[in-house]
mmCIF file of all heavy atoms, coordinates in Angstrom:
data_MODEL
# 
_entry.id   MODEL 
# 
loop_
_atom_site.group_PDB 
_atom_site.id 
_atom_site.type_symbol 
_atom_site.label_atom_id 
_atom_site.label_alt_id 
_atom_site.label_comp_id 
_atom_site.label_asym_id 
_atom_site.label_entity_id 
_atom_site.label_seq_id 
_atom_site.pdbx_PDB_ins_code 
_atom_site.Cartn_x 
_atom_site.Cartn_y 
_atom_site.Cartn_z 
_atom_site.occupancy 
_atom_site.B_iso_or_equiv 
_atom_site.pdbx_formal_charge 
_atom_site.auth_seq_id 
_atom_site.auth_comp_id 
_atom_site.auth_asym_id 
_atom_site.auth_atom_id 
_atom_site.pdbx_PDB_model_num 
ATOM 1   N N   . ILE A 1 1  ? 0.832  -1.204  0.000  1.00 0.00 ? 1  ILE A N   1 
ATOM 2   C CA  . ILE A 1 1  ? 0.000  0.000   0.000  1.00 0.00 ? 1  ILE A CA  1 
ATOM 3   C C   . ILE A 1 1  ? 0.867  1.253   0.000  1.00 0.00 ? 1  ILE A C   1 
ATOM 4   O O   . ILE A 1 1  ? 0.549  2.256   -0.642 1.00 0.00 ? 1  ILE A O   1 
ATOM 5   C CB  . ILE A 1 1  ? -0.953 0.003   1.215  1.00 0.00 ? 1  ILE A CB  1 
ATOM 6   C CG1 . ILE A 1 1  ? -2.001 -1.108  1.069  1.00 0.00 ? 1  ILE A CG1 1 
ATOM 7   C CG2 . ILE A 1 1  ? -1.648 1.352   1.380  1.00 0.00 ? 1  ILE A CG2 1 
ATOM 8   C CD1 . ILE A 1 1  ? -2.844 -1.325  2.305  1.00 0.00 ? 1  ILE A CD1 1 
ATOM 9   N N   . ALA A 1 2  ? 1.987  1.194   0.734  1.00 0.00 ? 2  ALA A N   1 
ATOM 10  C CA  . ALA A 1 2  ? 2.887  2.345   0.843  1.00 0.00 ? 2  ALA A CA  1 
ATOM 11  C C   . ALA A 1 2  ? 3.812  2.488   -0.365 1.00 0.00 ? 2  ALA A C   1 
ATOM 12  O O   . ALA A 1 2  ? 4.632  3.407   -0.400 1.00 0.00 ? 2  ALA A O   1 
ATOM 13  C CB  . ALA A 1 2  ? 3.720  2.240   2.115  1.00 0.00 ? 2  ALA A CB  1 
ATOM 14  N N   . GLY A 1 3  ? 3.708  1.584   -1.342 1.00 0.00 ? 3  GLY A N   1 
ATOM 15  C CA  . GLY A 1 3  ? 4.486  1.730   -2.564 1.00 0.00 ? 3  GLY A CA  1 
ATOM 16  C C   . GLY A 1 3  ? 5.782  0.946   -2.615 1.00 0.00 ? 3  GLY A C   1 
ATOM 17  O O   . GLY A 1 3  ? 6.606  1.182   -3.503 1.00 0.00 ? 3  GLY A O   1 
ATOM 18  N N   . TYR A 1 4  ? 5.993  0.030   -1.672 1.00 0.00 ? 4  TYR A N   1 
ATOM 19  C CA  . TYR A 1 4  ? 7.189  -0.808  -1.677 1.00 0.00 ? 4  TYR A CA  1 
ATOM 20  C C   . TYR A 1 4  ? 6.896  -2.165  -2.322 1.00 0.00 ? 4  TYR A C   1 
ATOM 21  O O   . TYR A 1 4  ? 5.738  -2.540  -2.523 1.00 0.00 ? 4  TYR A O   1 
ATOM 22  C CB  . TYR A 1 4  ? 7.682  -1.045  -0.247 1.00 0.00 ? 4  TYR A CB  1 
ATOM 23  C CG  . TYR A 1 4  ? 8.142  0.202   0.468  1.00 0.00 ? 4  TYR A CG  1 
ATOM 24  C CD1 . TYR A 1 4  ? 7.366  0.782   1.478  1.00 0.00 ? 4  TYR A CD1 1 
ATOM 25  C CD2 . TYR A 1 4  ? 9.356  0.807   0.152  1.00 0.00 ? 4  TYR A CD2 1 
ATOM 26  C CE1 . TYR A 1 4  ? 7.791  1.925   2.145  1.00 0.00 ? 4  TYR A CE1 1 
ATOM 27  C CE2 . TYR A 1 4  ? 9.791  1.950   0.809  1.00 0.00 ? 4  TYR A CE2 1 
ATOM 28  C CZ  . TYR A 1 4  ? 8.996  2.500   1.809  1.00 0.00 ? 4  TYR A CZ  1 
ATOM 29  O OH  . TYR A 1 4  ? 9.417  3.632   2.455  1.00 0.00 ? 4  TYR A OH  1 
ATOM 30  N N   . VAL A 1 5  ? 7.967  -2.907  -2.628 1.00 0.00 ? 5  VAL A N   1 
ATOM 31  C CA  . VAL A 1 5  ? 7.843  -4.271  -3.136 1.00 0.00 ? 5  VAL A CA  1 
ATOM 32  C C   . VAL A 1 5  ? 8.372  -5.218  -2.058 1.00 0.00 ? 5  VAL A C   1 
ATOM 33  O O   . VAL A 1 5  ? 9.592  -5.370  -1.907 1.00 0.00 ? 5  VAL A O   1 
ATOM 34  C CB  . VAL A 1 5  ? 8.633  -4.465  -4.442 1.00 0.00 ? 5  VAL A CB  1 
ATOM 35  C CG1 . VAL A 1 5  ? 8.517  -5.915  -4.922 1.00 0.00 ? 5  VAL A CG1 1 
ATOM 36  C CG2 . VAL A 1 5  ? 8.143  -3.498  -5.517 1.00 0.00 ? 5  VAL A CG2 1 
ATOM 37  N N   . PRO A 1 6  ? 7.485  -5.840  -1.261 1.00 0.00 ? 6  PRO A N   1 
ATOM 38  C CA  . PRO A 1 6  ? 7.957  -6.738  -0.200 1.00 0.00 ? 6  PRO A CA  1 
ATOM 39  C C   . PRO A 1 6  ? 8.266  -8.132  -0.739 1.00 0.00 ? 6  PRO A C   1 
ATOM 40  O O   . PRO A 1 6  ? 7.579  -8.635  -1.634 1.00 0.00 ? 6  PRO A O   1 
ATOM 41  C CB  . PRO A 1 6  ? 6.761  -6.776  0.760  1.00 0.00 ? 6  PRO A CB  1 
ATOM 42  C CG  . PRO A 1 6  ? 5.574  -6.562  -0.116 1.00 0.00 ? 6  PRO A CG  1 
ATOM 43  C CD  . PRO A 1 6  ? 6.033  -5.649  -1.239 1.00 0.00 ? 6  PRO A CD  1 
ATOM 44  N N   . VAL A 1 7  ? 9.309  -8.741  -0.186 1.00 0.00 ? 7  VAL A N   1 
ATOM 45  C CA  . VAL A 1 7  ? 9.670  -10.116 -0.538 1.00 0.00 ? 7  VAL A CA  1 
ATOM 46  C C   . VAL A 1 7  ? 9.698  -10.911 0.762  1.00 0.00 ? 7  VAL A C   1 
ATOM 47  O O   . VAL A 1 7  ? 10.606 -10.733 1.583  1.00 0.00 ? 7  VAL A O   1 
ATOM 48  C CB  . VAL A 1 7  ? 11.039 -10.178 -1.244 1.00 0.00 ? 7  VAL A CB  1 
ATOM 49  C CG1 . VAL A 1 7  ? 11.398 -11.620 -1.599 1.00 0.00 ? 7  VAL A CG1 1 
ATOM 50  C CG2 . VAL A 1 7  ? 11.035 -9.291  -2.500 1.00 0.00 ? 7  VAL A CG2 1 
ATOM 51  N N   . PRO A 1 8  ? 8.698  -11.789 0.996  1.00 0.00 ? 8  PRO A N   1 
ATOM 52  C CA  . PRO A 1 8  ? 8.569  -12.448 2.295  1.00 0.00 ? 8  PRO A CA  1 
ATOM 53  C C   . PRO A 1 8  ? 9.393  -13.725 2.426  1.00 0.00 ? 8  PRO A C   1 
ATOM 54  O O   . PRO A 1 8  ? 9.571  -14.473 1.460  1.00 0.00 ? 8  PRO A O   1 
ATOM 55  C CB  . PRO A 1 8  ? 7.070  -12.781 2.349  1.00 0.00 ? 8  PRO A CB  1 
ATOM 56  C CG  . PRO A 1 8  ? 6.678  -12.976 0.917  1.00 0.00 ? 8  PRO A CG  1 
ATOM 57  C CD  . PRO A 1 8  ? 7.543  -12.038 0.118  1.00 0.00 ? 8  PRO A CD  1 
ATOM 58  N N   . PHE A 1 9  ? 9.881  -13.958 3.649  1.00 0.00 ? 9  PHE A N   1 
ATOM 59  C CA  . PHE A 1 9  ? 10.530 -15.212 4.029  1.00 0.00 ? 9  PHE A CA  1 
ATOM 60  C C   . PHE A 1 9  ? 10.061 -15.592 5.424  1.00 0.00 ? 9  PHE A C   1 
ATOM 61  O O   . PHE A 1 9  ? 9.742  -14.723 6.245  1.00 0.00 ? 9  PHE A O   1 
ATOM 62  C CB  . PHE A 1 9  ? 12.059 -15.078 4.000  1.00 0.00 ? 9  PHE A CB  1 
ATOM 63  C CG  . PHE A 1 9  ? 12.641 -15.023 2.621  1.00 0.00 ? 9  PHE A CG  1 
ATOM 64  C CD1 . PHE A 1 9  ? 12.807 -13.805 1.981  1.00 0.00 ? 9  PHE A CD1 1 
ATOM 65  C CD2 . PHE A 1 9  ? 12.980 -16.187 1.952  1.00 0.00 ? 9  PHE A CD2 1 
ATOM 66  C CE1 . PHE A 1 9  ? 13.311 -13.732 0.692  1.00 0.00 ? 9  PHE A CE1 1 
ATOM 67  C CE2 . PHE A 1 9  ? 13.492 -16.129 0.657  1.00 0.00 ? 9  PHE A CE2 1 
ATOM 68  C CZ  . PHE A 1 9  ? 13.658 -14.902 0.032  1.00 0.00 ? 9  PHE A CZ  1 
ATOM 69  N N   . PHE A 1 10 ? 10.030 -16.895 5.682  1.00 0.00 ? 10 PHE A N   1 
ATOM 70  C CA  . PHE A 1 10 ? 9.505  -17.406 6.952  1.00 0.00 ? 10 PHE A CA  1 
ATOM 71  C C   . PHE A 1 10 ? 10.531 -18.248 7.710  1.00 0.00 ? 10 PHE A C   1 
ATOM 72  O O   . PHE A 1 10 ? 10.284 -18.650 8.832  1.00 0.00 ? 10 PHE A O   1 
ATOM 73  C CB  . PHE A 1 10 ? 8.246  -18.253 6.688  1.00 0.00 ? 10 PHE A CB  1 
ATOM 74  C CG  . PHE A 1 10 ? 7.174  -17.516 5.937  1.00 0.00 ? 10 PHE A CG  1 
ATOM 75  C CD1 . PHE A 1 10 ? 7.157  -17.506 4.551  1.00 0.00 ? 10 PHE A CD1 1 
ATOM 76  C CD2 . PHE A 1 10 ? 6.193  -16.813 6.619  1.00 0.00 ? 10 PHE A CD2 1 
ATOM 77  C CE1 . PHE A 1 10 ? 6.161  -16.819 3.855  1.00 0.00 ? 10 PHE A CE1 1 
ATOM 78  C CE2 . PHE A 1 10 ? 5.205  -16.120 5.941  1.00 0.00 ? 10 PHE A CE2 1 
ATOM 79  C CZ  . PHE A 1 10 ? 5.190  -16.118 4.556  1.00 0.00 ? 10 PHE A CZ  1 
ATOM 80  N N   . ASP A 1 11 ? 11.668 -18.509 7.103  1.00 0.00 ? 11 ASP A N   1 
ATOM 81  C CA  . ASP A 1 11 ? 12.677 -19.406 7.664  1.00 0.00 ? 11 ASP A CA  1 
ATOM 82  C C   . ASP A 1 11 ? 14.065 -18.806 7.465  1.00 0.00 ? 11 ASP A C   1 
ATOM 83  O O   . ASP A 1 11 ? 14.390 -18.340 6.366  1.00 0.00 ? 11 ASP A O   1 
ATOM 84  C CB  . ASP A 1 11 ? 12.569 -20.769 6.973  1.00 0.00 ? 11 ASP A CB  1 
ATOM 85  C CG  . ASP A 1 11 ? 13.618 -21.740 7.464  1.00 0.00 ? 11 ASP A CG  1 
ATOM 86  O OD1 . ASP A 1 11 ? 14.735 -21.747 6.910  1.00 0.00 ? 11 ASP A OD1 1 
ATOM 87  O OD2 . ASP A 1 11 ? 13.328 -22.487 8.416  1.00 0.00 ? 11 ASP A OD2 1 
ATOM 88  N N   . GLY A 1 12 ? 14.892 -18.834 8.514  1.00 0.00 ? 12 GLY A N   1 
ATOM 89  C CA  . GLY A 1 12 ? 16.203 -18.241 8.442  1.00 0.00 ? 12 GLY A CA  1 
ATOM 90  C C   . GLY A 1 12 ? 17.138 -18.914 7.449  1.00 0.00 ? 12 GLY A C   1 
ATOM 91  O O   . GLY A 1 12 ? 17.901 -18.239 6.745  1.00 0.00 ? 12 GLY A O   1 
ATOM 92  N N   . GLU A 1 13 ? 17.095 -20.227 7.382  1.00 0.00 ? 13 GLU A N   1 
ATOM 93  C CA  . GLU A 1 13 ? 17.967 -20.951 6.452  1.00 0.00 ? 13 GLU A CA  1 
ATOM 94  C C   . GLU A 1 13 ? 17.586 -20.665 5.010  1.00 0.00 ? 13 GLU A C   1 
ATOM 95  O O   . GLU A 1 13 ? 18.454 -20.449 4.149  1.00 0.00 ? 13 GLU A O   1 
ATOM 96  C CB  . GLU A 1 13 ? 17.891 -22.455 6.727  1.00 0.00 ? 13 GLU A CB  1 
ATOM 97  C CG  . GLU A 1 13 ? 18.544 -22.908 8.022  1.00 0.00 ? 13 GLU A CG  1 
ATOM 98  C CD  . GLU A 1 13 ? 20.064 -22.796 7.987  1.00 0.00 ? 13 GLU A CD  1 
ATOM 99  O OE1 . GLU A 1 13 ? 20.639 -22.544 6.900  1.00 0.00 ? 13 GLU A OE1 1 
ATOM 100 O OE2 . GLU A 1 13 ? 20.684 -22.955 9.050  1.00 0.00 ? 13 GLU A OE2 1 
ATOM 101 N N   . GLU A 1 14 ? 16.297 -20.667 4.730  1.00 0.00 ? 14 GLU A N   1 
ATOM 102 C CA  . GLU A 1 14 ? 15.826 -20.362 3.379  1.00 0.00 ? 14 GLU A CA  1 
ATOM 103 C C   . GLU A 1 14 ? 16.233 -18.946 2.975  1.00 0.00 ? 14 GLU A C   1 
ATOM 104 O O   . GLU A 1 14 ? 16.682 -18.700 1.854  1.00 0.00 ? 14 GLU A O   1 
ATOM 105 C CB  . GLU A 1 14 ? 14.306 -20.510 3.309  1.00 0.00 ? 14 GLU A CB  1 
ATOM 106 C CG  . GLU A 1 14 ? 13.722 -20.177 1.942  1.00 0.00 ? 14 GLU A CG  1 
ATOM 107 C CD  . GLU A 1 14 ? 12.202 -20.116 1.957  1.00 0.00 ? 14 GLU A CD  1 
ATOM 108 O OE1 . GLU A 1 14 ? 11.606 -20.211 3.044  1.00 0.00 ? 14 GLU A OE1 1 
ATOM 109 O OE2 . GLU A 1 14 ? 11.626 -19.942 0.859  1.00 0.00 ? 14 GLU A OE2 1 
ATOM 110 N N   . PHE A 1 15 ? 16.084 -18.040 3.916  1.00 0.00 ? 15 PHE A N   1 
ATOM 111 C CA  . PHE A 1 15 ? 16.468 -16.654 3.677  1.00 0.00 ? 15 PHE A CA  1 
ATOM 112 C C   . PHE A 1 15 ? 17.960 -16.564 3.364  1.00 0.00 ? 15 PHE A C   1 
ATOM 113 O O   . PHE A 1 15 ? 18.379 -15.873 2.431  1.00 0.00 ? 15 PHE A O   1 
ATOM 114 C CB  . PHE A 1 15 ? 16.135 -15.827 4.923  1.00 0.00 ? 15 PHE A CB  1 
ATOM 115 C CG  . PHE A 1 15 ? 16.540 -14.385 4.838  1.00 0.00 ? 15 PHE A CG  1 
ATOM 116 C CD1 . PHE A 1 15 ? 15.695 -13.437 4.292  1.00 0.00 ? 15 PHE A CD1 1 
ATOM 117 C CD2 . PHE A 1 15 ? 17.772 -13.969 5.321  1.00 0.00 ? 15 PHE A CD2 1 
ATOM 118 C CE1 . PHE A 1 15 ? 16.065 -12.100 4.216  1.00 0.00 ? 15 PHE A CE1 1 
ATOM 119 C CE2 . PHE A 1 15 ? 18.150 -12.643 5.260  1.00 0.00 ? 15 PHE A CE2 1 
ATOM 120 C CZ  . PHE A 1 15 ? 17.295 -11.713 4.703  1.00 0.00 ? 15 PHE A CZ  1 
ATOM 121 N N   . SER A 1 16 ? 18.787 -17.253 4.122  1.00 0.00 ? 16 SER A N   1 
ATOM 122 C CA  . SER A 1 16 ? 20.234 -17.227 3.937  1.00 0.00 ? 16 SER A CA  1 
ATOM 123 C C   . SER A 1 16 ? 20.631 -17.757 2.568  1.00 0.00 ? 16 SER A C   1 
ATOM 124 O O   . SER A 1 16 ? 21.489 -17.191 1.890  1.00 0.00 ? 16 SER A O   1 
ATOM 125 C CB  . SER A 1 16 ? 20.914 -18.037 5.037  1.00 0.00 ? 16 SER A CB  1 
ATOM 126 O OG  . SER A 1 16 ? 22.315 -18.024 4.888  1.00 0.00 ? 16 SER A OG  1 
ATOM 127 N N   . ARG A 1 17 ? 19.992 -18.846 2.149  1.00 0.00 ? 17 ARG A N   1 
ATOM 128 C CA  . ARG A 1 17 ? 20.291 -19.416 0.830  1.00 0.00 ? 17 ARG A CA  1 
ATOM 129 C C   . ARG A 1 17 ? 19.922 -18.434 -0.283 1.00 0.00 ? 17 ARG A C   1 
ATOM 130 O O   . ARG A 1 17 ? 20.668 -18.268 -1.256 1.00 0.00 ? 17 ARG A O   1 
ATOM 131 C CB  . ARG A 1 17 ? 19.540 -20.738 0.640  1.00 0.00 ? 17 ARG A CB  1 
ATOM 132 C CG  . ARG A 1 17 ? 20.075 -21.890 1.488  1.00 0.00 ? 17 ARG A CG  1 
ATOM 133 C CD  . ARG A 1 17 ? 19.513 -23.218 1.012  1.00 0.00 ? 17 ARG A CD  1 
ATOM 134 N NE  . ARG A 1 17 ? 18.068 -23.284 1.186  1.00 0.00 ? 17 ARG A NE  1 
ATOM 135 C CZ  . ARG A 1 17 ? 17.469 -23.719 2.300  1.00 0.00 ? 17 ARG A CZ  1 
ATOM 136 N NH1 . ARG A 1 17 ? 18.195 -24.125 3.333  1.00 0.00 ? 17 ARG A NH1 1 
ATOM 137 N NH2 . ARG A 1 17 ? 16.155 -23.775 2.375  1.00 0.00 ? 17 ARG A NH2 1 
ATOM 138 N N   . HIS A 1 18 ? 18.779 -17.795 -0.128 1.00 0.00 ? 18 HIS A N   1 
ATOM 139 C CA  . HIS A 1 18 ? 18.342 -16.822 -1.132 1.00 0.00 ? 18 HIS A CA  1 
ATOM 140 C C   . HIS A 1 18 ? 19.323 -15.656 -1.225 1.00 0.00 ? 18 HIS A C   1 
ATOM 141 O O   . HIS A 1 18 ? 19.643 -15.180 -2.322 1.00 0.00 ? 18 HIS A O   1 
ATOM 142 C CB  . HIS A 1 18 ? 16.941 -16.299 -0.763 1.00 0.00 ? 18 HIS A CB  1 
ATOM 143 C CG  . HIS A 1 18 ? 16.450 -15.189 -1.640 1.00 0.00 ? 18 HIS A CG  1 
ATOM 144 N ND1 . HIS A 1 18 ? 15.844 -15.421 -2.866 1.00 0.00 ? 18 HIS A ND1 1 
ATOM 145 C CD2 . HIS A 1 18 ? 16.485 -13.832 -1.490 1.00 0.00 ? 18 HIS A CD2 1 
ATOM 146 C CE1 . HIS A 1 18 ? 15.526 -14.264 -3.425 1.00 0.00 ? 18 HIS A CE1 1 
ATOM 147 N NE2 . HIS A 1 18 ? 15.900 -13.285 -2.613 1.00 0.00 ? 18 HIS A NE2 1 
ATOM 148 N N   . LEU A 1 19 ? 19.804 -15.206 -0.079 1.00 0.00 ? 19 LEU A N   1 
ATOM 149 C CA  . LEU A 1 19 ? 20.668 -14.033 -0.028 1.00 0.00 ? 19 LEU A CA  1 
ATOM 150 C C   . LEU A 1 19 ? 21.996 -14.261 -0.735 1.00 0.00 ? 19 LEU A C   1 
ATOM 151 O O   . LEU A 1 19 ? 22.613 -13.319 -1.238 1.00 0.00 ? 19 LEU A O   1 
ATOM 152 C CB  . LEU A 1 19 ? 20.897 -13.639 1.430  1.00 0.00 ? 19 LEU A CB  1 
ATOM 153 C CG  . LEU A 1 19 ? 21.386 -12.212 1.716  1.00 0.00 ? 19 LEU A CG  1 
ATOM 154 C CD1 . LEU A 1 19 ? 20.393 -11.196 1.185  1.00 0.00 ? 19 LEU A CD1 1 
ATOM 155 C CD2 . LEU A 1 19 ? 21.594 -12.031 3.217  1.00 0.00 ? 19 LEU A CD2 1 
ATOM 156 N N   . LYS A 1 20 ? 22.451 -15.493 -0.798 1.00 0.00 ? 20 LYS A N   1 
ATOM 157 C CA  . LYS A 1 20 ? 23.718 -15.788 -1.455 1.00 0.00 ? 20 LYS A CA  1 
ATOM 158 C C   . LYS A 1 20 ? 23.678 -15.489 -2.948 1.00 0.00 ? 20 LYS A C   1 
ATOM 159 O O   . LYS A 1 20 ? 24.707 -15.211 -3.575 1.00 0.00 ? 20 LYS A O   1 
ATOM 160 C CB  . LYS A 1 20 ? 24.102 -17.250 -1.229 1.00 0.00 ? 20 LYS A CB  1 
ATOM 161 C CG  . LYS A 1 20 ? 24.487 -17.561 0.216  1.00 0.00 ? 20 LYS A CG  1 
ATOM 162 C CD  . LYS A 1 20 ? 24.764 -19.035 0.401  1.00 0.00 ? 20 LYS A CD  1 
ATOM 163 C CE  . LYS A 1 20 ? 25.122 -19.336 1.857  1.00 0.00 ? 20 LYS A CE  1 
ATOM 164 N NZ  . LYS A 1 20 ? 25.335 -20.781 2.100  1.00 0.00 ? 20 LYS A NZ  1 
ATOM 165 N N   . GLU A 1 21 ? 22.471 -15.536 -3.524 1.00 0.00 ? 21 GLU A N   1 
ATOM 166 C CA  . GLU A 1 21 ? 22.324 -15.323 -4.966 1.00 0.00 ? 21 GLU A CA  1 
ATOM 167 C C   . GLU A 1 21 ? 21.615 -14.017 -5.317 1.00 0.00 ? 21 GLU A C   1 
ATOM 168 O O   . GLU A 1 21 ? 21.629 -13.597 -6.474 1.00 0.00 ? 21 GLU A O   1 
ATOM 169 C CB  . GLU A 1 21 ? 21.538 -16.500 -5.580 1.00 0.00 ? 21 GLU A CB  1 
ATOM 170 C CG  . GLU A 1 21 ? 22.145 -17.863 -5.330 1.00 0.00 ? 21 GLU A CG  1 
ATOM 171 C CD  . GLU A 1 21 ? 23.498 -18.023 -6.013 1.00 0.00 ? 21 GLU A CD  1 
ATOM 172 O OE1 . GLU A 1 21 ? 23.718 -17.351 -7.045 1.00 0.00 ? 21 GLU A OE1 1 
ATOM 173 O OE2 . GLU A 1 21 ? 24.329 -18.812 -5.520 1.00 0.00 ? 21 GLU A OE2 1 
ATOM 174 N N   . ASN A 1 22 ? 20.979 -13.379 -4.320 1.00 0.00 ? 22 ASN A N   1 
ATOM 175 C CA  . ASN A 1 22 ? 20.155 -12.203 -4.595 1.00 0.00 ? 22 ASN A CA  1 
ATOM 176 C C   . ASN A 1 22 ? 20.477 -11.100 -3.591 1.00 0.00 ? 22 ASN A C   1 
ATOM 177 O O   . ASN A 1 22 ? 20.147 -11.221 -2.410 1.00 0.00 ? 22 ASN A O   1 
ATOM 178 C CB  . ASN A 1 22 ? 18.669 -12.562 -4.508 1.00 0.00 ? 22 ASN A CB  1 
ATOM 179 C CG  . ASN A 1 22 ? 18.270 -13.645 -5.493 1.00 0.00 ? 22 ASN A CG  1 
ATOM 180 O OD1 . ASN A 1 22 ? 17.947 -13.372 -6.638 1.00 0.00 ? 22 ASN A OD1 1 
ATOM 181 N ND2 . ASN A 1 22 ? 18.320 -14.900 -5.043 1.00 0.00 ? 22 ASN A ND2 1 
ATOM 182 N N   . HIS A 1 23 ? 21.124 -10.041 -4.074 1.00 0.00 ? 23 HIS A N   1 
ATOM 183 C CA  . HIS A 1 23 ? 21.542 -8.950  -3.192 1.00 0.00 ? 23 HIS A CA  1 
ATOM 184 C C   . HIS A 1 23 ? 20.814 -7.643  -3.488 1.00 0.00 ? 23 HIS A C   1 
ATOM 185 O O   . HIS A 1 23 ? 21.066 -6.642  -2.826 1.00 0.00 ? 23 HIS A O   1 
ATOM 186 C CB  . HIS A 1 23 ? 23.053 -8.685  -3.336 1.00 0.00 ? 23 HIS A CB  1 
ATOM 187 C CG  . HIS A 1 23 ? 23.886 -9.887  -3.047 1.00 0.00 ? 23 HIS A CG  1 
ATOM 188 N ND1 . HIS A 1 23 ? 25.198 -9.970  -3.458 1.00 0.00 ? 23 HIS A ND1 1 
ATOM 189 C CD2 . HIS A 1 23 ? 23.610 -11.042 -2.407 1.00 0.00 ? 23 HIS A CD2 1 
ATOM 190 C CE1 . HIS A 1 23 ? 25.701 -11.145 -3.077 1.00 0.00 ? 23 HIS A CE1 1 
ATOM 191 N NE2 . HIS A 1 23 ? 24.750 -11.804 -2.441 1.00 0.00 ? 23 HIS A NE2 1 
ATOM 192 N N   . ASN A 1 24 ? 19.932 -7.645  -4.478 1.00 0.00 ? 24 ASN A N   1 
ATOM 193 C CA  . ASN A 1 24 ? 19.340 -6.397  -4.950 1.00 0.00 ? 24 ASN A CA  1 
ATOM 194 C C   . ASN A 1 24 ? 18.129 -5.991  -4.102 1.00 0.00 ? 24 ASN A C   1 
ATOM 195 O O   . ASN A 1 24 ? 16.977 -6.040  -4.548 1.00 0.00 ? 24 ASN A O   1 
ATOM 196 C CB  . ASN A 1 24 ? 18.935 -6.537  -6.422 1.00 0.00 ? 24 ASN A CB  1 
ATOM 197 C CG  . ASN A 1 24 ? 18.476 -5.226  -7.024 1.00 0.00 ? 24 ASN A CG  1 
ATOM 198 O OD1 . ASN A 1 24 ? 18.900 -4.152  -6.585 1.00 0.00 ? 24 ASN A OD1 1 
ATOM 199 N ND2 . ASN A 1 24 ? 17.603 -5.297  -8.022 1.00 0.00 ? 24 ASN A ND2 1 
ATOM 200 N N   . TYR A 1 25 ? 18.410 -5.617  -2.866 1.00 0.00 ? 25 TYR A N   1 
ATOM 201 C CA  . TYR A 1 25 ? 17.354 -5.174  -1.955 1.00 0.00 ? 25 TYR A CA  1 
ATOM 202 C C   . TYR A 1 25 ? 17.792 -3.876  -1.281 1.00 0.00 ? 25 TYR A C   1 
ATOM 203 O O   . TYR A 1 25 ? 18.977 -3.615  -1.092 1.00 0.00 ? 25 TYR A O   1 
ATOM 204 C CB  . TYR A 1 25 ? 17.066 -6.247  -0.899 1.00 0.00 ? 25 TYR A CB  1 
ATOM 205 C CG  . TYR A 1 25 ? 16.484 -7.511  -1.493 1.00 0.00 ? 25 TYR A CG  1 
ATOM 206 C CD1 . TYR A 1 25 ? 17.292 -8.625  -1.721 1.00 0.00 ? 25 TYR A CD1 1 
ATOM 207 C CD2 . TYR A 1 25 ? 15.141 -7.590  -1.832 1.00 0.00 ? 25 TYR A CD2 1 
ATOM 208 C CE1 . TYR A 1 25 ? 16.767 -9.778  -2.278 1.00 0.00 ? 25 TYR A CE1 1 
ATOM 209 C CE2 . TYR A 1 25 ? 14.611 -8.744  -2.379 1.00 0.00 ? 25 TYR A CE2 1 
ATOM 210 C CZ  . TYR A 1 25 ? 15.427 -9.833  -2.607 1.00 0.00 ? 25 TYR A CZ  1 
ATOM 211 O OH  . TYR A 1 25 ? 14.904 -10.977 -3.154 1.00 0.00 ? 25 TYR A OH  1 
# 
């Protein structure tokens, strides 16, 4: 609603794996 693009994660390990390949935040 505020005009941002949220990318949700629910698990720390999954988040960590994603971060290794995706830094554009």
